[in-house]
Protein backbone atom coordinates (compact mmCIF):
# COMPACT_ATOMS: atom_id res chain seq x y z
CA MET A 1 119.87 86.48 98.39
CA LYS A 2 119.32 88.12 94.76
CA ALA A 3 117.33 90.80 93.70
CA LEU A 4 116.18 92.51 90.40
CA GLU A 5 115.43 96.17 90.47
CA LEU A 6 113.16 98.05 88.19
CA PHE A 7 112.53 101.42 87.53
CA ALA A 8 115.34 101.98 90.05
CA GLY A 9 115.38 105.94 89.19
CA GLY A 10 117.89 107.00 91.34
CA GLY A 11 118.40 104.09 93.56
CA GLY A 12 116.59 104.77 96.65
CA LEU A 13 114.99 101.06 96.54
CA ALA A 14 118.18 99.61 95.36
CA MET A 15 120.30 101.23 98.57
CA ALA A 16 117.57 99.83 100.97
CA LEU A 17 118.16 96.30 99.25
CA SER A 18 122.03 96.70 99.58
CA GLN A 19 121.79 97.99 103.34
CA THR A 20 119.42 94.76 104.00
CA GLY A 21 121.46 92.02 102.81
CA PHE A 22 120.66 91.75 99.08
CA GLU A 23 122.52 91.77 95.65
CA THR A 24 120.82 92.97 92.68
CA ALA A 25 121.65 91.17 89.48
CA ARG A 26 120.27 94.23 87.27
CA LEU A 27 119.06 97.48 87.84
CA VAL A 28 116.65 98.76 84.89
CA GLU A 29 116.51 102.40 84.62
CA TRP A 30 115.82 104.55 81.35
CA ASP A 31 116.72 108.05 82.53
CA ARG A 32 120.14 108.93 81.79
CA TRP A 33 120.94 111.21 84.95
CA ALA A 34 119.57 108.20 87.09
CA CYS A 35 121.63 105.96 85.27
CA ASP A 36 124.54 108.09 85.39
CA THR A 37 123.86 108.11 89.42
CA LEU A 38 123.46 104.45 89.66
CA THR A 39 126.57 104.14 87.72
CA LYS A 40 128.37 106.56 90.33
CA ASN A 41 126.75 103.92 93.02
CA ARG A 42 127.32 101.01 91.53
CA ASP A 43 129.73 99.38 94.15
CA LEU A 44 127.40 100.75 96.84
CA LEU A 45 124.37 99.43 95.45
CA LYS A 46 125.92 95.69 95.50
CA CYS A 47 125.00 95.81 91.75
CA ARG A 48 126.96 92.72 90.70
CA HIS A 49 125.54 93.09 86.34
CA GLU A 50 128.33 93.04 84.45
CA GLY A 51 128.64 96.36 81.58
CA PRO A 52 127.26 99.98 81.79
CA ILE A 53 123.85 100.79 83.54
CA SER A 54 122.79 102.69 80.58
CA PRO A 55 119.35 103.95 79.60
CA THR A 56 117.18 101.11 79.02
CA ASP A 57 113.27 100.88 78.02
CA VAL A 58 111.77 98.16 80.20
CA ARG A 59 109.42 97.12 77.36
CA GLY A 60 112.51 95.69 75.57
CA VAL A 61 114.34 93.74 78.41
CA ASP A 62 113.83 89.90 77.86
CA PHE A 63 113.59 88.75 81.83
CA LYS A 64 113.27 85.03 81.15
CA VAL A 65 117.10 85.01 81.44
CA PHE A 66 115.98 85.91 85.22
CA GLU A 67 113.68 82.87 85.41
CA ASP A 68 114.08 80.83 89.06
CA LYS A 69 117.19 82.94 89.75
CA ILE A 70 116.00 85.84 91.40
CA ASP A 71 114.93 85.76 95.01
CA VAL A 72 112.83 89.59 94.58
CA ILE A 73 111.68 91.97 92.34
CA THR A 74 111.75 95.47 93.28
CA GLY A 75 110.42 98.72 91.55
CA GLY A 76 108.39 101.74 91.64
CA PRO A 77 106.09 101.55 88.19
CA PRO A 78 106.23 105.35 86.81
CA CYS A 79 103.60 107.23 89.60
CA GLN A 80 102.42 109.70 87.16
CA PRO A 81 99.07 108.26 86.15
CA PHE A 82 98.11 108.28 89.75
CA SER A 83 100.06 111.34 91.17
CA LEU A 84 97.90 113.66 93.01
CA GLY A 85 99.94 116.36 91.24
CA GLY A 86 99.63 114.55 87.72
CA LYS A 87 96.58 114.48 85.13
CA HIS A 88 94.98 111.36 86.66
CA GLN A 89 94.75 109.34 83.46
CA ALA A 90 95.76 106.14 85.18
CA TYR A 91 94.98 103.08 82.94
CA ASP A 92 94.27 105.62 80.16
CA ASP A 93 98.19 107.17 80.43
CA ARG A 94 100.81 105.20 78.38
CA ARG A 95 103.19 106.02 80.94
CA ASP A 96 101.69 102.96 83.27
CA MET A 97 104.03 100.72 83.44
CA PHE A 98 102.54 97.67 85.97
CA PRO A 99 101.84 95.88 82.87
CA GLN A 100 105.69 95.50 82.60
CA ALA A 101 105.93 94.56 86.74
CA ILE A 102 103.52 92.21 85.93
CA ARG A 103 105.33 90.59 83.02
CA SER A 104 108.41 90.38 85.04
CA LEU A 105 106.84 88.25 87.56
CA ARG A 106 104.95 86.23 84.67
CA GLU A 107 108.62 85.41 83.49
CA VAL A 108 111.08 85.69 86.60
CA ARG A 109 108.88 83.48 89.21
CA PRO A 110 110.61 85.45 91.97
CA LYS A 111 109.84 84.23 95.53
CA ALA A 112 108.56 87.67 96.40
CA PHE A 113 108.30 91.25 94.80
CA MET A 114 107.73 94.26 96.66
CA PHE A 115 106.36 97.64 94.43
CA GLU A 116 105.62 101.18 95.37
CA ASN A 117 103.96 104.07 94.07
CA VAL A 118 102.57 107.40 95.25
CA LYS A 119 99.19 107.80 97.66
CA GLY A 120 97.33 109.36 94.34
CA LEU A 121 97.11 105.60 93.60
CA THR A 122 94.75 105.16 97.02
CA ARG A 123 92.02 107.68 95.47
CA SER A 124 88.83 106.51 95.05
CA ALA A 125 88.57 107.51 91.21
CA PHE A 126 91.32 104.74 90.60
CA ARG A 127 89.90 102.47 93.20
CA GLN A 128 88.92 99.53 90.59
CA TYR A 129 91.92 99.88 88.64
CA LEU A 130 93.69 99.57 91.74
CA GLU A 131 91.94 96.30 92.85
CA TYR A 132 92.98 95.42 88.80
CA VAL A 133 96.48 96.01 89.27
CA GLN A 134 96.22 93.53 92.84
CA PHE A 135 94.37 90.76 90.68
CA GLN A 136 97.25 90.76 88.09
CA LEU A 137 100.28 90.91 90.59
CA ALA A 138 98.22 88.06 92.42
CA TYR A 139 97.72 85.93 89.05
CA PRO A 140 100.34 87.42 86.54
CA GLY A 141 99.98 84.30 84.43
CA ILE A 142 96.28 85.04 83.29
CA GLU A 143 97.44 87.61 80.79
CA LYS A 144 95.17 89.82 79.18
CA LYS A 145 94.16 88.59 75.53
CA GLU A 146 95.18 90.97 72.57
CA GLY A 147 92.42 93.62 71.94
CA GLU A 148 90.69 92.69 75.67
CA GLU A 149 89.27 95.58 77.14
CA TRP A 150 90.87 96.00 81.24
CA THR A 151 87.04 95.88 82.49
CA ALA A 152 86.76 92.09 80.95
CA HIS A 153 90.38 91.06 82.16
CA ARG A 154 89.70 91.81 85.65
CA ARG A 155 86.26 89.97 85.31
CA ARG A 156 88.09 86.98 84.11
CA LEU A 157 90.51 87.34 87.15
CA GLU A 158 87.68 87.97 89.48
CA GLN A 159 86.38 84.59 88.18
CA HIS A 160 89.56 82.73 88.89
CA HIS A 161 89.75 83.94 92.27
CA THR A 162 86.31 83.27 93.48
CA ALA A 163 86.14 79.76 92.52
CA ASN A 164 89.28 79.31 94.10
CA HIS A 165 91.45 77.69 91.20
CA ALA A 166 94.66 76.42 91.43
CA ALA A 167 97.42 78.71 89.84
CA ASP A 168 100.65 77.78 88.30
CA LEU A 169 102.05 81.04 89.53
CA GLU A 170 100.14 82.92 92.24
CA TYR A 171 101.21 85.57 94.68
CA ARG A 172 99.91 86.49 98.34
CA VAL A 173 99.42 89.97 97.82
CA ILE A 174 99.42 92.68 100.66
CA PRO A 175 99.08 96.36 100.03
CA ARG A 176 99.61 99.35 102.94
CA LEU A 177 99.37 102.55 102.67
CA VAL A 178 102.48 104.05 104.87
CA ASN A 179 103.84 107.07 106.01
CA ALA A 180 107.70 107.40 106.39
CA ALA A 181 107.61 109.38 109.50
CA ASP A 182 106.29 106.53 111.12
CA TYR A 183 109.33 104.29 110.37
CA GLY A 184 112.23 106.73 111.40
CA VAL A 185 112.32 108.86 108.54
CA PRO A 186 112.39 112.70 108.84
CA GLN A 187 109.76 113.22 106.34
CA ARG A 188 105.90 112.99 106.23
CA ARG A 189 105.88 111.17 103.26
CA GLU A 190 103.02 108.31 101.94
CA ARG A 191 103.86 105.69 99.84
CA LEU A 192 101.67 102.67 98.82
CA ILE A 193 103.45 99.85 99.40
CA ILE A 194 102.70 96.33 97.65
CA VAL A 195 104.12 93.16 98.62
CA GLY A 196 103.75 89.73 97.19
CA ILE A 197 104.39 86.56 98.58
CA ARG A 198 105.00 83.45 96.07
CA ALA A 199 102.12 80.93 96.84
CA ASP A 200 103.66 77.86 97.03
CA LEU A 201 106.09 78.82 99.42
CA ASN A 202 103.28 79.00 102.60
CA LEU A 203 105.45 81.72 104.20
CA GLU A 204 103.68 83.97 107.16
CA TRP A 205 104.81 87.27 106.07
CA HIS A 206 103.34 90.66 107.35
CA PHE A 207 103.95 94.16 107.34
CA PRO A 208 106.59 95.89 109.64
CA ALA A 209 104.94 97.60 112.83
CA ALA A 210 105.45 101.60 112.86
CA THR A 211 108.48 102.11 115.44
CA HIS A 212 108.05 106.12 115.28
CA GLY A 213 105.27 108.66 116.39
CA LEU A 214 104.26 112.12 116.53
CA GLU A 215 103.21 111.94 120.24
CA ALA A 216 106.47 110.44 121.18
CA LEU A 217 108.37 113.30 119.31
CA VAL A 218 106.07 115.80 121.36
CA SER A 219 107.17 114.15 124.54
CA ASP A 220 110.50 114.72 123.70
CA GLN A 221 110.30 118.40 122.68
CA TRP A 222 108.14 118.99 126.23
CA HIS A 223 108.91 116.31 128.59
CA GLY A 224 112.42 115.20 127.58
CA ASP A 225 115.57 116.47 126.01
CA TYR A 226 115.34 117.11 122.70
CA TRP A 227 115.75 121.25 122.95
CA GLU A 228 118.96 120.99 124.80
CA ARG A 229 120.04 118.34 122.85
CA HIS A 230 120.10 120.53 119.89
CA GLY A 231 121.17 123.71 122.30
CA ILE A 232 118.15 125.93 121.15
CA ASN A 233 115.74 127.31 123.48
CA PRO A 234 112.32 125.60 123.36
CA ARG A 235 109.41 126.99 120.32
CA THR A 236 106.68 127.47 122.08
CA GLU A 237 105.14 128.58 118.91
CA LEU A 238 104.67 125.04 117.88
CA LEU A 239 102.22 124.80 120.49
CA GLU A 240 100.05 126.37 118.44
CA LEU A 241 99.59 123.78 115.87
CA PRO A 242 96.47 121.72 116.09
CA ALA A 243 98.75 118.48 115.47
CA VAL A 244 100.95 119.47 118.66
CA ARG A 245 98.09 120.22 120.46
CA GLY A 246 96.33 117.22 120.15
CA ALA A 247 99.47 115.07 120.49
CA LEU A 248 100.12 116.23 123.36
CA ALA A 249 96.40 115.10 124.30
CA ARG A 250 97.24 111.71 123.83
CA PRO A 251 99.68 109.65 125.61
CA ALA A 252 102.72 108.28 123.76
CA LEU A 253 102.81 104.85 122.85
CA GLU A 254 105.58 103.20 124.68
CA GLN A 255 107.05 101.02 121.89
CA ARG A 256 107.04 104.12 119.50
CA GLN A 257 110.43 106.31 119.04
CA PRO A 258 109.94 110.17 118.31
CA TRP A 259 109.51 110.97 114.86
CA ARG A 260 112.77 112.36 113.57
CA THR A 261 112.76 115.86 112.65
CA THR A 262 114.58 118.11 109.44
CA ARG A 263 116.80 119.19 112.22
CA ASP A 264 117.57 115.86 113.57
CA ALA A 265 118.42 115.25 109.77
CA ILE A 266 120.63 117.92 108.73
CA CYS A 267 121.69 119.85 111.93
CA ASP A 268 125.23 118.71 111.62
CA LEU A 269 125.46 120.25 107.74
CA GLN A 270 124.63 123.47 109.27
CA SER A 271 128.28 124.20 110.42
CA VAL A 272 129.56 122.16 107.32
CA ALA A 273 130.94 124.12 104.34
CA PHE A 274 128.98 124.23 101.23
CA SER A 275 130.57 121.99 98.57
CA SER A 276 132.70 120.19 101.19
CA LEU A 277 130.56 117.06 100.47
CA PRO A 278 129.40 115.69 97.29
CA ASN A 279 125.90 117.68 96.21
CA HIS A 280 126.06 120.09 99.38
CA GLU A 281 125.86 122.93 97.31
CA PHE A 282 124.54 126.70 98.02
CA ARG A 283 120.96 127.40 96.28
CA GLY A 284 119.57 130.92 96.34
CA GLY A 285 116.46 132.39 95.38
CA ALA A 286 114.28 130.79 98.09
CA LYS A 287 111.14 133.02 98.93
CA ALA A 288 107.93 132.58 101.06
CA TYR A 289 104.60 133.59 100.50
CA PRO A 290 101.09 132.21 101.50
CA GLY A 291 100.92 128.40 100.60
CA HIS A 292 104.51 128.79 99.36
CA THR A 293 106.47 127.47 102.71
CA GLY A 294 108.93 125.81 103.72
CA SER A 295 109.60 123.10 106.00
CA ASP A 296 109.92 123.05 109.68
CA LEU A 297 113.10 122.36 111.39
CA ASP A 298 111.18 120.93 114.63
CA LEU A 299 108.81 118.61 112.58
CA PRO A 300 109.47 116.15 109.94
CA SER A 301 109.64 117.74 106.26
CA LYS A 302 106.97 118.19 103.80
CA THR A 303 107.12 115.53 101.59
CA LEU A 304 109.89 116.28 99.23
CA LYS A 305 108.82 116.50 95.43
CA ALA A 306 110.24 116.09 91.99
CA GLY A 307 108.08 118.40 90.20
CA VAL A 308 106.06 117.73 87.02
CA HIS A 309 107.19 121.45 85.61
CA GLY A 310 110.42 121.69 87.37
CA VAL A 311 110.85 121.28 91.63
CA PRO A 312 108.20 123.32 93.53
CA GLY A 313 110.06 125.26 96.04
CA GLY A 314 107.56 124.92 99.01
CA GLU A 315 108.45 121.44 99.26
CA ASN A 316 112.15 121.97 99.11
CA MET A 317 113.04 124.61 101.67
CA PHE A 318 113.19 124.82 105.13
CA VAL A 319 112.82 127.99 107.24
CA LYS A 320 115.51 128.83 109.38
CA ASP A 321 115.76 129.88 112.99
CA ASP A 322 116.10 133.41 111.83
CA GLY A 323 112.92 132.61 110.06
CA THR A 324 114.39 133.36 106.67
CA VAL A 325 113.97 130.21 104.29
CA ARG A 326 116.33 128.75 102.27
CA TYR A 327 116.59 125.55 99.66
CA PHE A 328 118.06 122.19 100.68
CA THR A 329 121.01 121.48 99.33
CA ALA A 330 120.66 118.14 97.55
CA ARG A 331 122.85 116.81 100.19
CA GLU A 332 120.57 118.01 102.81
CA ALA A 333 117.23 116.72 100.95
CA ALA A 334 119.10 112.98 100.47
CA ARG A 335 119.50 113.13 104.02
CA VAL A 336 115.88 113.78 104.54
CA GLN A 337 115.46 110.77 102.23
CA SER A 338 117.92 108.97 104.24
CA PHE A 339 120.33 108.20 101.63
CA PRO A 340 124.03 107.81 103.05
CA ASP A 341 126.42 111.02 103.09
CA GLU A 342 128.12 108.81 100.31
CA TYR A 343 125.75 108.28 97.69
CA VAL A 344 126.39 110.66 94.96
CA PHE A 345 123.48 112.53 92.37
CA ALA A 346 124.73 113.03 88.98
CA GLY A 347 123.42 116.24 87.41
CA ALA A 348 123.02 119.69 89.09
CA TRP A 349 121.02 120.82 91.68
CA SER A 350 117.53 120.46 90.05
CA GLU A 351 118.11 117.18 88.35
CA ALA A 352 119.62 115.83 91.83
CA MET A 353 116.38 117.13 93.68
CA ARG A 354 114.52 115.51 90.74
CA GLN A 355 115.82 112.32 91.30
CA ILE A 356 115.87 112.51 95.10
CA GLY A 357 112.30 113.93 95.04
CA ASN A 358 110.91 110.68 93.03
CA ALA A 359 112.50 108.02 95.39
CA ILE A 360 111.34 105.98 97.97
CA PRO A 361 113.00 106.70 101.26
CA VAL A 362 115.46 104.78 101.58
CA GLY A 363 114.73 103.98 105.73
CA LEU A 364 111.30 103.23 104.47
CA ALA A 365 111.89 100.91 101.66
CA ALA A 366 114.73 99.02 104.14
CA VAL A 367 112.42 98.02 106.94
CA VAL A 368 110.39 96.23 104.00
CA THR A 369 113.51 94.87 102.58
CA LYS A 370 115.08 93.59 105.73
CA GLN A 371 112.30 91.75 106.65
CA LEU A 372 111.65 89.89 103.61
CA PHE A 373 115.36 89.00 103.12
CA HIS A 374 114.99 87.56 106.94
CA ASP A 375 111.58 85.65 106.42
CA LEU A 376 113.14 84.58 103.06
CA THR A 377 116.43 83.22 104.50
CA ALA A 378 114.29 81.59 106.96
CA ALA A 379 112.13 80.18 104.74
CA SER A 380 115.02 78.38 102.59
CA VAL A 381 116.91 76.87 105.44
């Protein structure tokens, strides 16, 4: 199975593709440091593209050379137009790269696609534009005319959709807002994932069911062996948290496993000397103050953030057992994002943390790409 990865960033989605059976024909990314990271890990990513992975503007890529040669196109179109931390300009923002993602579908005609973006895209202010994006993904062959307003283009797409006309290229589009913690990632991170399956395949597909839950974690901590397993005394102060109290009052779903905690992810690194692993360098200067607190070790971490004007420390540090705070090393942050330890990030701490904070968690992406690989393989037999 062949994949084409756009807006690859630090490689979270590309890593998931390689873990679930795909080979990547090409990685497209414009950022120099991210390209250096992708180059360092190209064998791990199963990237079969010959030549260097160099900064590339996706707007200049000729996708037609991949026509009918790619099974899945994936990527995270730049999310600044929709981020809760951005300026919320959406379709008026020149950084919106969804038009290029849609062009790739039109020119390559893959069997399926998976695009991911921030939760901010689901804000009510962007509802109409999100619907417009989904219509374009469903009918990528119905192009926006030169000089045509996006609202007029959306009306044409709506008319085509409601008239049930046959299209030369059509995808069944399924969007889903998911929490990475519900799929075994030690981080509370919500992402919008949009999957499309080419209509002529007549393939039945659905999002994988959540596998982990807060109720199961709380049950493990107060009725299981969580504290004993980690060799520490029960932290009764957690019972004061409203979310924990509420979870205690609810039965854990039998099919759910416990949410993975920050401690689950990085506890073994606490006894590992700094700099003994790639990207495991100490970063000093962490301070806590109201509104700027670190992640609790015994819950999934807060959402790691890249930061528009530097890395925000509150989200990228954790509270130690003695009550002090420390910044995550880039290696620890990579663990929280479920990158393997052999995955190396280029650049200093702030640069590595920017790449990590921008990535989709590998474990979350892998849940979706694994099912895509399985179903597409079964359909081709």
